[in-house]
Amino acid sequence: MAANERLICRSADLIDAGPGVRFTVRVQGVEEPAFAVRFRGRVAAYLNRCGHVAVELDWQPGEFFDDSKLYLICATHGALYAPQDGRCLGGRCNGRGLTPLPIEERNGAIYYTPSEQES
């Protein structure tokens, strides 16, 4: 276990294409909102910031998927992102994807694993 890793949630808390888990990370000395989701069995985490304008994506706390449960959607602009890698798929993100965060799933838990510079 790395000294700077942090427990985010239990693995069971992330249901495939279901609600995400919100948490915060420190970026350049500032606490920033972030989230983790599960899609097709894999966990991914991103800064909770649209690629178009720095607004949070979720339309309700923890609700990041669109109605089809295939895409992450910005509730403000309707931009669509690929859940597996955060890449912009359409809308006002203009090709700017989500900022991925290092996350690891092991022993029934999800951990944020920042580098020394990020912690």
Protein backbone atom coordinates (compact mmCIF):
# COMPACT_ATOMS: atom_id res chain seq x y z
CA MET A 1 0.00 0.00 0.00
CA ALA A 2 1.47 3.34 -1.06
CA ALA A 3 1.83 5.93 1.66
CA ASN A 4 -0.27 8.52 -0.16
CA GLU A 5 -3.10 6.33 -1.46
CA ARG A 6 -6.59 6.94 -0.11
CA LEU A 7 -9.61 4.67 0.24
CA ILE A 8 -12.52 6.00 -1.86
CA CYS A 9 -15.20 3.34 -1.34
CA ARG A 10 -15.95 -0.36 -1.27
CA SER A 11 -15.97 -2.08 -4.67
CA ALA A 12 -19.61 -3.01 -4.11
CA ASP A 13 -20.52 0.69 -3.88
CA LEU A 14 -19.90 1.11 -7.62
CA ILE A 15 -22.57 -0.61 -9.69
CA ASP A 16 -21.92 -0.99 -13.41
CA ALA A 17 -23.25 2.16 -15.19
CA GLY A 18 -24.85 3.19 -11.92
CA PRO A 19 -24.30 6.13 -9.60
CA GLY A 20 -20.74 7.25 -9.10
CA VAL A 21 -18.94 8.05 -5.88
CA ARG A 22 -17.86 11.65 -5.37
CA PHE A 23 -14.62 12.51 -3.57
CA THR A 24 -12.06 15.32 -3.60
CA VAL A 25 -8.42 15.47 -4.67
CA ARG A 26 -5.74 18.06 -4.13
CA VAL A 27 -4.52 19.59 -7.41
CA GLN A 28 -1.78 22.21 -7.18
CA GLY A 29 -2.71 22.83 -3.54
CA VAL A 30 -6.45 23.21 -4.20
CA GLU A 31 -9.19 20.71 -3.30
CA GLU A 32 -11.03 19.72 -6.48
CA PRO A 33 -14.19 17.62 -6.90
CA ALA A 34 -13.72 14.19 -8.46
CA PHE A 35 -15.73 11.02 -9.05
CA ALA A 36 -15.36 7.31 -9.71
CA VAL A 37 -17.69 5.14 -11.81
CA ARG A 38 -17.81 1.54 -12.96
CA PHE A 39 -18.42 0.76 -16.63
CA ARG A 40 -18.32 -2.71 -18.19
CA GLY A 41 -16.73 -4.05 -15.03
CA ARG A 42 -13.87 -1.55 -14.83
CA VAL A 43 -13.49 1.40 -12.52
CA ALA A 44 -12.44 4.84 -13.76
CA ALA A 45 -12.04 8.17 -11.97
CA TYR A 46 -11.97 11.74 -13.24
CA LEU A 47 -11.94 15.30 -12.04
CA ASN A 48 -15.58 16.37 -11.85
CA ARG A 49 -15.09 19.09 -14.44
CA CYS A 50 -16.58 19.42 -17.92
CA GLY A 51 -14.07 19.81 -20.76
CA HIS A 52 -15.97 22.85 -22.03
CA VAL A 53 -16.38 24.95 -18.88
CA ALA A 54 -15.20 24.05 -15.38
CA VAL A 55 -18.62 22.97 -14.08
CA GLU A 56 -19.39 19.70 -12.33
CA LEU A 57 -20.94 17.04 -14.54
CA ASP A 58 -23.47 15.28 -12.33
CA TRP A 59 -27.13 16.26 -12.73
CA GLN A 60 -27.85 14.94 -9.23
CA PRO A 61 -25.12 14.08 -6.72
CA GLY A 62 -23.38 10.98 -8.07
CA GLU A 63 -25.47 10.75 -11.27
CA PHE A 64 -23.03 10.93 -14.18
CA PHE A 65 -24.48 8.58 -16.81
CA ASP A 66 -26.98 9.62 -19.46
CA ASP A 67 -30.32 7.83 -19.83
CA SER A 68 -28.80 5.14 -22.07
CA LYS A 69 -26.18 4.32 -19.38
CA LEU A 70 -23.53 4.29 -22.14
CA TYR A 71 -22.03 7.77 -21.70
CA LEU A 72 -21.04 10.23 -19.02
CA ILE A 73 -22.92 13.48 -19.60
CA CYS A 74 -22.45 17.08 -18.53
CA ALA A 75 -25.76 18.17 -17.04
CA THR A 76 -25.05 21.80 -17.96
CA HIS A 77 -23.94 21.47 -21.60
CA GLY A 78 -24.96 17.97 -22.68
CA ALA A 79 -21.39 17.03 -23.67
CA LEU A 80 -20.88 13.27 -23.83
CA TYR A 81 -17.78 11.44 -22.61
CA ALA A 82 -16.63 7.81 -22.87
CA PRO A 83 -16.82 6.29 -19.37
CA GLN A 84 -13.80 4.05 -19.93
CA ASP A 85 -11.31 6.78 -20.82
CA GLY A 86 -13.04 10.18 -20.48
CA ARG A 87 -12.61 11.10 -24.13
CA CYS A 88 -15.03 13.65 -25.60
CA LEU A 89 -17.61 11.99 -27.85
CA GLY A 90 -19.75 14.99 -28.72
CA GLY A 91 -21.27 18.22 -27.60
CA ARG A 92 -19.61 21.36 -26.38
CA CYS A 93 -16.46 19.66 -25.06
CA ASN A 94 -14.86 20.41 -28.45
CA GLY A 95 -12.55 17.43 -28.24
CA ARG A 96 -11.41 18.15 -24.67
CA GLY A 97 -11.93 15.08 -22.55
CA LEU A 98 -12.19 14.56 -18.83
CA THR A 99 -9.06 14.59 -16.69
CA PRO A 100 -8.38 10.99 -15.57
CA LEU A 101 -7.22 10.20 -12.06
CA PRO A 102 -5.12 7.22 -10.93
CA ILE A 103 -7.37 4.70 -9.26
CA GLU A 104 -6.93 1.08 -8.28
CA GLU A 105 -9.35 -1.66 -7.31
CA ARG A 106 -8.12 -4.44 -5.05
CA ASN A 107 -9.29 -6.56 -2.14
CA GLY A 108 -12.87 -5.33 -2.46
CA ALA A 109 -12.02 -1.62 -2.31
CA ILE A 110 -11.33 1.36 -4.59
CA TYR A 111 -8.25 3.49 -3.89
CA TYR A 112 -7.13 6.84 -5.27
CA THR A 113 -3.39 6.48 -5.87
CA PRO A 114 -1.88 9.91 -6.59
CA SER A 115 1.74 10.46 -7.47
CA GLU A 116 3.92 12.23 -4.92
CA GLN A 117 3.38 15.52 -6.82
CA GLU A 118 -0.42 15.19 -6.68
CA SER A 119 -0.80 14.31 -3.02
